[in-house]
Amino acid sequence: MLKDVREKRQSIIDACLRMNQLGINQGTSGNISLRHEAGMLITPTSVPYEAMRPEQIVYMALDGSFDAAQRPSSEWRFHLDILKARPEVNAVVHTHPPFATILAIMGLEIPPVHYMIAVAGGDTIRCAPYATYGTQDLSTHALKALEDRSACLLAHHGMIAIGPSLSKAMWLAVEVETLARQYHGCLQIGTPPLLSKTEINNVLSRIAGYGPASE
């Protein structure tokens, strides 16, 4: 069990480093959580990923309690609320990728410009209304935007991707940034044609299990 916990903690650190390597995050602005027993493991606040150690990953119970000697990410509320509301979700990735954040600043959702929009669970990737970071309001908005979806944008902020495993959530975060970059590029040319809801539903029926295998 101790080995399992340490491996989970290390996997969070590895994913944080990977976010920056992939260019979907800068500095320590992103945060990651993993379901663990009757709670979650989440990145600490304001610790550089390169210096982060497994024992610094914070365990938080589902009632929001944690060791007073540790400081979880300031965004712990929406991580906790997502895991409580979505029992099929085991990982939450929050990041500030450039193109997704550009769209989020403009308050734009990502429409069905490409069939891969379906990997997020529907025909759009919604943009949640703005609320101050770390607040219950932000968590409430995020949960609403994530209804029947596995990703959303956060206005004037960034993006959330969720999944049954950390590898799935990370993969989805990269896919959402790719879609955001494509949509942003289309907007430089004009108004892009969109796929129909019927076609996205057709893709949804075929795309189950797409992406990396869950651990």
C-alpha atoms as a PDB file:
ATOM      1  CA  MET A   1       0.000   0.000   0.000  1.00  0.00           C
ATOM      2  CA  LEU A   2       2.800   2.441   0.866  1.00  0.00           C
ATOM      3  CA  LYS A   3       4.455   1.635  -2.446  1.00  0.00           C
ATOM      4  CA  ASP A   4       1.150   2.215  -4.243  1.00  0.00           C
ATOM      5  CA  VAL A   5       0.737   5.629  -2.593  1.00  0.00           C
ATOM      6  CA  ARG A   6       4.293   6.646  -3.428  1.00  0.00           C
ATOM      7  CA  GLU A   7       3.850   5.550  -7.043  1.00  0.00           C
ATOM      8  CA  LYS A   8       0.676   7.630  -7.308  1.00  0.00           C
ATOM      9  CA  ARG A   9       2.417  10.649  -5.827  1.00  0.00           C
ATOM     10  CA  GLN A  10       5.340  10.233  -8.229  1.00  0.00           C
ATOM     11  CA  SER A  11       2.969   9.852 -11.185  1.00  0.00           C
ATOM     12  CA  ILE A  12       1.464  13.245 -10.324  1.00  0.00           C
ATOM     13  CA  ILE A  13       4.908  14.852 -10.282  1.00  0.00           C
ATOM     14  CA  ASP A  14       5.814  13.179 -13.574  1.00  0.00           C
ATOM     15  CA  ALA A  15       2.595  14.458 -15.155  1.00  0.00           C
ATOM     16  CA  CYS A  16       3.260  18.001 -13.920  1.00  0.00           C
ATOM     17  CA  LEU A  17       6.714  17.945 -15.499  1.00  0.00           C
ATOM     18  CA  ARG A  18       5.191  16.511 -18.680  1.00  0.00           C
ATOM     19  CA  MET A  19       2.644  19.347 -18.877  1.00  0.00           C
ATOM     20  CA  ASN A  20       5.419  21.909 -19.063  1.00  0.00           C
ATOM     21  CA  GLN A  21       7.458  19.800 -21.498  1.00  0.00           C
ATOM     22  CA  LEU A  22       4.426  19.579 -23.791  1.00  0.00           C
ATOM     23  CA  GLY A  23       3.879  23.339 -23.619  1.00  0.00           C
ATOM     24  CA  ILE A  24       0.381  23.054 -22.173  1.00  0.00           C
ATOM     25  CA  ASN A  25       1.371  24.756 -18.941  1.00  0.00           C
ATOM     26  CA  GLN A  26       3.870  27.287 -17.660  1.00  0.00           C
ATOM     27  CA  GLY A  27       5.596  27.344 -14.281  1.00  0.00           C
ATOM     28  CA  THR A  28       3.469  25.999 -11.437  1.00  0.00           C
ATOM     29  CA  SER A  29       0.158  27.425 -12.644  1.00  0.00           C
ATOM     30  CA  GLY A  30      -1.337  23.986 -13.277  1.00  0.00           C
ATOM     31  CA  ASN A  31      -2.415  21.394 -10.740  1.00  0.00           C
ATOM     32  CA  ILE A  32      -3.285  17.714 -10.767  1.00  0.00           C
ATOM     33  CA  SER A  33      -5.242  15.383  -8.499  1.00  0.00           C
ATOM     34  CA  LEU A  34      -5.756  11.629  -8.302  1.00  0.00           C
ATOM     35  CA  ARG A  35      -8.469   9.772  -6.427  1.00  0.00           C
ATOM     36  CA  HIS A  36      -6.980   7.785  -3.545  1.00  0.00           C
ATOM     37  CA  GLU A  37      -8.925   5.722  -1.016  1.00  0.00           C
ATOM     38  CA  ALA A  38     -11.579   7.973   0.599  1.00  0.00           C
ATOM     39  CA  GLY A  39     -10.071  11.172  -0.767  1.00  0.00           C
ATOM     40  CA  MET A  40      -7.530  12.470  -3.240  1.00  0.00           C
ATOM     41  CA  LEU A  41      -3.863  13.219  -3.726  1.00  0.00           C
ATOM     42  CA  ILE A  42      -3.224  16.732  -5.063  1.00  0.00           C
ATOM     43  CA  THR A  43      -0.259  18.914  -5.908  1.00  0.00           C
ATOM     44  CA  PRO A  44       0.894  21.347  -3.219  1.00  0.00           C
ATOM     45  CA  THR A  45       0.727  25.073  -3.763  1.00  0.00           C
ATOM     46  CA  SER A  46       3.683  27.106  -5.047  1.00  0.00           C
ATOM     47  CA  VAL A  47       6.221  24.285  -5.261  1.00  0.00           C
ATOM     48  CA  PRO A  48       8.296  24.150  -8.486  1.00  0.00           C
ATOM     49  CA  TYR A  49       7.651  20.861 -10.241  1.00  0.00           C
ATOM     50  CA  GLU A  50      11.370  20.186 -10.605  1.00  0.00           C
ATOM     51  CA  ALA A  51      11.799  20.372  -6.827  1.00  0.00           C
ATOM     52  CA  MET A  52       8.604  18.548  -5.892  1.00  0.00           C
ATOM     53  CA  ARG A  53       8.988  15.358  -3.842  1.00  0.00           C
ATOM     54  CA  PRO A  54       6.422  12.560  -3.447  1.00  0.00           C
ATOM     55  CA  GLU A  55       5.896  13.326   0.238  1.00  0.00           C
ATOM     56  CA  GLN A  56       4.873  16.889  -0.671  1.00  0.00           C
ATOM     57  CA  ILE A  57       1.844  15.678  -2.608  1.00  0.00           C
ATOM     58  CA  VAL A  58      -1.088  16.419  -0.296  1.00  0.00           C
ATOM     59  CA  TYR A  59      -3.680  13.874   0.759  1.00  0.00           C
ATOM     60  CA  MET A  60      -7.116  15.438   1.251  1.00  0.00           C
ATOM     61  CA  ALA A  61     -10.171  13.585   2.528  1.00  0.00           C
ATOM     62  CA  LEU A  62     -13.505  14.030   0.764  1.00  0.00           C
ATOM     63  CA  ASP A  63     -14.663  16.267   3.613  1.00  0.00           C
ATOM     64  CA  GLY A  64     -11.878  18.706   2.698  1.00  0.00           C
ATOM     65  CA  SER A  65      -9.647  17.950   5.680  1.00  0.00           C
ATOM     66  CA  PHE A  66      -5.876  17.605   5.302  1.00  0.00           C
ATOM     67  CA  ASP A  67      -2.680  17.705   7.336  1.00  0.00           C
ATOM     68  CA  ALA A  68      -2.218  21.259   8.607  1.00  0.00           C
ATOM     69  CA  ALA A  69       1.516  20.968   7.928  1.00  0.00           C
ATOM     70  CA  GLN A  70       0.818  20.760   4.191  1.00  0.00           C
ATOM     71  CA  ARG A  71      -0.690  23.268   1.773  1.00  0.00           C
ATOM     72  CA  PRO A  72      -2.725  21.882  -1.140  1.00  0.00           C
ATOM     73  CA  SER A  73      -3.169  23.695  -4.445  1.00  0.00           C
ATOM     74  CA  SER A  74      -5.319  26.796  -4.172  1.00  0.00           C
ATOM     75  CA  GLU A  75      -7.653  25.115  -6.690  1.00  0.00           C
ATOM     76  CA  TRP A  76      -8.379  22.106  -4.457  1.00  0.00           C
ATOM     77  CA  ARG A  77     -12.106  22.937  -4.309  1.00  0.00           C
ATOM     78  CA  PHE A  78     -12.975  22.061  -7.892  1.00  0.00           C
ATOM     79  CA  HIS A  79     -10.711  19.013  -7.800  1.00  0.00           C
ATOM     80  CA  LEU A  80     -12.542  17.740  -4.721  1.00  0.00           C
ATOM     81  CA  ASP A  81     -16.002  18.656  -5.992  1.00  0.00           C
ATOM     82  CA  ILE A  82     -15.399  16.963  -9.360  1.00  0.00           C
ATOM     83  CA  LEU A  83     -14.224  13.737  -7.732  1.00  0.00           C
ATOM     84  CA  LYS A  84     -17.207  13.783  -5.346  1.00  0.00           C
ATOM     85  CA  ALA A  85     -19.721  14.464  -8.128  1.00  0.00           C
ATOM     86  CA  ARG A  86     -18.246  12.129 -10.755  1.00  0.00           C
ATOM     87  CA  PRO A  87     -17.492   8.663  -9.340  1.00  0.00           C
ATOM     88  CA  GLU A  88     -16.231   7.474 -12.747  1.00  0.00           C
ATOM     89  CA  VAL A  89     -13.493  10.125 -12.676  1.00  0.00           C
ATOM     90  CA  ASN A  90     -10.177   9.292 -11.006  1.00  0.00           C
ATOM     91  CA  ALA A  91      -7.961  12.129 -12.248  1.00  0.00           C
ATOM     92  CA  VAL A  92      -8.307  15.883 -12.719  1.00  0.00           C
ATOM     93  CA  VAL A  93      -5.815  17.934 -14.729  1.00  0.00           C
ATOM     94  CA  HIS A  94      -5.986  21.728 -14.591  1.00  0.00           C
ATOM     95  CA  THR A  95      -3.662  23.691 -16.819  1.00  0.00           C
ATOM     96  CA  HIS A  96      -3.235  26.995 -18.673  1.00  0.00           C
ATOM     97  CA  PRO A  97      -2.400  26.030 -22.279  1.00  0.00           C
ATOM     98  CA  PRO A  98      -1.876  29.042 -24.586  1.00  0.00           C
ATOM     99  CA  PHE A  99      -4.604  28.540 -27.189  1.00  0.00           C
ATOM    100  CA  ALA A 100      -7.265  27.146 -24.855  1.00  0.00           C
ATOM    101  CA  THR A 101      -6.581  30.078 -22.542  1.00  0.00           C
ATOM    102  CA  ILE A 102      -6.891  32.573 -25.422  1.00  0.00           C
ATOM    103  CA  LEU A 103     -10.356  31.207 -26.171  1.00  0.00           C
ATOM    104  CA  ALA A 104     -11.201  31.184 -22.461  1.00  0.00           C
ATOM    105  CA  ILE A 105     -10.187  34.836 -22.145  1.00  0.00           C
ATOM    106  CA  MET A 106     -12.587  35.613 -24.982  1.00  0.00           C
ATOM    107  CA  GLY A 107     -15.308  33.542 -23.310  1.00  0.00           C
ATOM    108  CA  LEU A 108     -15.525  31.224 -26.324  1.00  0.00           C
ATOM    109  CA  GLU A 109     -16.434  27.574 -26.252  1.00  0.00           C
ATOM    110  CA  ILE A 110     -14.873  25.232 -28.802  1.00  0.00           C
ATOM    111  CA  PRO A 111     -17.542  24.238 -31.342  1.00  0.00           C
ATOM    112  CA  PRO A 112     -17.506  21.083 -33.526  1.00  0.00           C
ATOM    113  CA  VAL A 113     -14.852  22.250 -36.007  1.00  0.00           C
ATOM    114  CA  HIS A 114     -13.296  18.756 -35.973  1.00  0.00           C
ATOM    115  CA  TYR A 115     -14.707  15.329 -35.176  1.00  0.00           C
ATOM    116  CA  MET A 116     -12.200  14.923 -32.326  1.00  0.00           C
ATOM    117  CA  ILE A 117     -14.353  17.319 -30.298  1.00  0.00           C
ATOM    118  CA  ALA A 118     -16.230  14.127 -29.406  1.00  0.00           C
ATOM    119  CA  VAL A 119     -13.371  12.888 -27.204  1.00  0.00           C
ATOM    120  CA  ALA A 120     -14.575  15.418 -24.612  1.00  0.00           C
ATOM    121  CA  GLY A 121     -18.020  13.812 -24.573  1.00  0.00           C
ATOM    122  CA  GLY A 122     -20.196  16.051 -26.744  1.00  0.00           C
ATOM    123  CA  ASP A 123     -20.398  18.494 -29.633  1.00  0.00           C
ATOM    124  CA  THR A 124     -18.793  21.415 -27.773  1.00  0.00           C
ATOM    125  CA  ILE A 125     -16.180  22.091 -25.139  1.00  0.00           C
ATOM    126  CA  ARG A 126     -17.959  24.610 -22.952  1.00  0.00           C
ATOM    127  CA  CYS A 127     -16.451  27.688 -21.351  1.00  0.00           C
ATOM    128  CA  ALA A 128     -17.438  28.140 -17.690  1.00  0.00           C
ATOM    129  CA  PRO A 129     -18.195  31.710 -16.525  1.00  0.00           C
ATOM    130  CA  TYR A 130     -15.446  33.562 -14.716  1.00  0.00           C
ATOM    131  CA  ALA A 131     -15.030  33.386 -10.955  1.00  0.00           C
ATOM    132  CA  THR A 132     -12.029  34.122  -8.748  1.00  0.00           C
ATOM    133  CA  TYR A 133      -9.576  31.222  -8.583  1.00  0.00           C
ATOM    134  CA  GLY A 134      -9.890  28.900  -5.618  1.00  0.00           C
ATOM    135  CA  THR A 135     -13.487  29.884  -4.856  1.00  0.00           C
ATOM    136  CA  GLN A 136     -16.624  27.811  -4.501  1.00  0.00           C
ATOM    137  CA  ASP A 137     -18.173  29.873  -7.302  1.00  0.00           C
ATOM    138  CA  LEU A 138     -15.460  28.720  -9.690  1.00  0.00           C
ATOM    139  CA  SER A 139     -16.002  25.119  -8.637  1.00  0.00           C
ATOM    140  CA  THR A 140     -19.761  25.426  -9.176  1.00  0.00           C
ATOM    141  CA  HIS A 141     -19.255  26.917 -12.652  1.00  0.00           C
ATOM    142  CA  ALA A 142     -16.735  24.202 -13.569  1.00  0.00           C
ATOM    143  CA  LEU A 143     -19.051  21.378 -12.480  1.00  0.00           C
ATOM    144  CA  LYS A 144     -21.861  22.847 -14.596  1.00  0.00           C
ATOM    145  CA  ALA A 145     -19.616  23.171 -17.659  1.00  0.00           C
ATOM    146  CA  LEU A 146     -18.446  19.573 -17.174  1.00  0.00           C
ATOM    147  CA  GLU A 147     -21.936  18.074 -17.105  1.00  0.00           C
ATOM    148  CA  ASP A 148     -21.834  15.141 -19.592  1.00  0.00           C
ATOM    149  CA  ARG A 149     -18.361  16.306 -20.623  1.00  0.00           C
ATOM    150  CA  SER A 150     -14.781  15.426 -19.730  1.00  0.00           C
ATOM    151  CA  ALA A 151     -13.229  18.834 -20.432  1.00  0.00           C
ATOM    152  CA  CYS A 152     -14.095  22.501 -20.182  1.00  0.00           C
ATOM    153  CA  LEU A 153     -12.526  25.919 -20.439  1.00  0.00           C
ATOM    154  CA  LEU A 154     -12.589  28.419 -17.570  1.00  0.00           C
ATOM    155  CA  ALA A 155     -13.198  32.030 -18.606  1.00  0.00           C
ATOM    156  CA  HIS A 156     -10.134  34.277 -18.171  1.00  0.00           C
ATOM    157  CA  HIS A 157      -8.307  31.322 -16.664  1.00  0.00           C
ATOM    158  CA  GLY A 158      -7.505  28.005 -18.344  1.00  0.00           C
ATOM    159  CA  MET A 159      -8.787  24.476 -18.847  1.00  0.00           C
ATOM    160  CA  ILE A 160      -9.829  21.347 -16.957  1.00  0.00           C
ATOM    161  CA  ALA A 161      -9.603  17.801 -18.298  1.00  0.00           C
ATOM    162  CA  ILE A 162     -10.832  14.772 -16.359  1.00  0.00           C
ATOM    163  CA  GLY A 163     -10.644  11.043 -16.886  1.00  0.00           C
ATOM    164  CA  PRO A 164     -10.762   7.540 -15.434  1.00  0.00           C
ATOM    165  CA  SER A 165      -6.962   7.627 -15.172  1.00  0.00           C
ATOM    166  CA  LEU A 166      -4.200  10.210 -15.154  1.00  0.00           C
ATOM    167  CA  SER A 167      -2.966   9.084 -18.566  1.00  0.00           C
ATOM    168  CA  LYS A 168      -6.455   9.607 -20.037  1.00  0.00           C
ATOM    169  CA  ALA A 169      -6.855  13.038 -18.451  1.00  0.00           C
ATOM    170  CA  MET A 170      -3.411  14.140 -19.639  1.00  0.00           C
ATOM    171  CA  TRP A 171      -4.082  12.870 -23.138  1.00  0.00           C
ATOM    172  CA  LEU A 172      -7.379  14.741 -23.213  1.00  0.00           C
ATOM    173  CA  ALA A 173      -5.740  17.971 -22.038  1.00  0.00           C
ATOM    174  CA  VAL A 174      -3.362  17.777 -25.016  1.00  0.00           C
ATOM    175  CA  GLU A 175      -6.253  17.024 -27.403  1.00  0.00           C
ATOM    176  CA  VAL A 176      -8.260  20.005 -26.125  1.00  0.00           C
ATOM    177  CA  GLU A 177      -5.285  22.319 -26.656  1.00  0.00           C
ATOM    178  CA  THR A 178      -4.917  20.945 -30.206  1.00  0.00           C
ATOM    179  CA  LEU A 179      -8.602  21.644 -30.885  1.00  0.00           C
ATOM    180  CA  ALA A 180      -8.234  25.125 -29.405  1.00  0.00           C
ATOM    181  CA  ARG A 181      -5.243  25.838 -31.659  1.00  0.00           C
ATOM    182  CA  GLN A 182      -7.162  24.602 -34.719  1.00  0.00           C
ATOM    183  CA  TYR A 183     -10.220  26.706 -33.876  1.00  0.00           C
ATOM    184  CA  HIS A 184      -8.073  29.764 -33.193  1.00  0.00           C
ATOM    185  CA  GLY A 185      -6.425  29.263 -36.592  1.00  0.00           C
ATOM    186  CA  CYS A 186      -9.786  28.967 -38.326  1.00  0.00           C
ATOM    187  CA  LEU A 187     -10.940  32.231 -36.755  1.00  0.00           C
ATOM    188  CA  GLN A 188      -7.981  34.017 -38.364  1.00  0.00           C
ATOM    189  CA  ILE A 189      -9.431  33.083 -41.761  1.00  0.00           C
ATOM    190  CA  GLY A 190     -13.137  33.474 -41.091  1.00  0.00           C
ATOM    191  CA  THR A 191     -16.094  31.647 -39.592  1.00  0.00           C
ATOM    192  CA  PRO A 192     -15.424  27.904 -39.818  1.00  0.00           C
ATOM    193  CA  PRO A 193     -18.087  25.430 -40.990  1.00  0.00           C
ATOM    194  CA  LEU A 194     -19.215  23.131 -38.200  1.00  0.00           C
ATOM    195  CA  LEU A 195     -20.051  19.463 -38.056  1.00  0.00           C
ATOM    196  CA  SER A 196     -23.667  18.652 -37.254  1.00  0.00           C
ATOM    197  CA  LYS A 197     -24.872  17.279 -33.950  1.00  0.00           C
ATOM    198  CA  THR A 198     -25.927  14.153 -35.845  1.00  0.00           C
ATOM    199  CA  GLU A 199     -22.392  13.590 -37.095  1.00  0.00           C
ATOM    200  CA  ILE A 200     -20.865  14.187 -33.651  1.00  0.00           C
ATOM    201  CA  ASN A 201     -23.327  11.661 -32.204  1.00  0.00           C
ATOM    202  CA  ASN A 202     -22.204   9.240 -34.921  1.00  0.00           C
ATOM    203  CA  VAL A 203     -18.581   9.788 -33.890  1.00  0.00           C
ATOM    204  CA  LEU A 204     -19.476   9.415 -30.203  1.00  0.00           C
ATOM    205  CA  SER A 205     -20.901   5.967 -30.939  1.00  0.00           C
ATOM    206  CA  ARG A 206     -17.565   4.938 -32.476  1.00  0.00           C
ATOM    207  CA  ILE A 207     -15.062   6.672 -30.225  1.00  0.00           C
ATOM    208  CA  ALA A 208     -15.621   4.936 -26.882  1.00  0.00           C
ATOM    209  CA  GLY A 209     -12.286   3.908 -25.400  1.00  0.00           C
ATOM    210  CA  TYR A 210     -10.280   6.116 -27.765  1.00  0.00           C
ATOM    211  CA  GLY A 211      -6.957   7.293 -26.382  1.00  0.00           C
ATOM    212  CA  PRO A 212      -4.427   5.605 -24.093  1.00  0.00           C
ATOM    213  CA  ALA A 213      -5.457   2.602 -22.060  1.00  0.00           C
ATOM    214  CA  SER A 214      -6.279   3.383 -18.450  1.00  0.00           C
ATOM    215  CA  GLU A 215      -3.819   2.138 -15.822  1.00  0.00           C
END
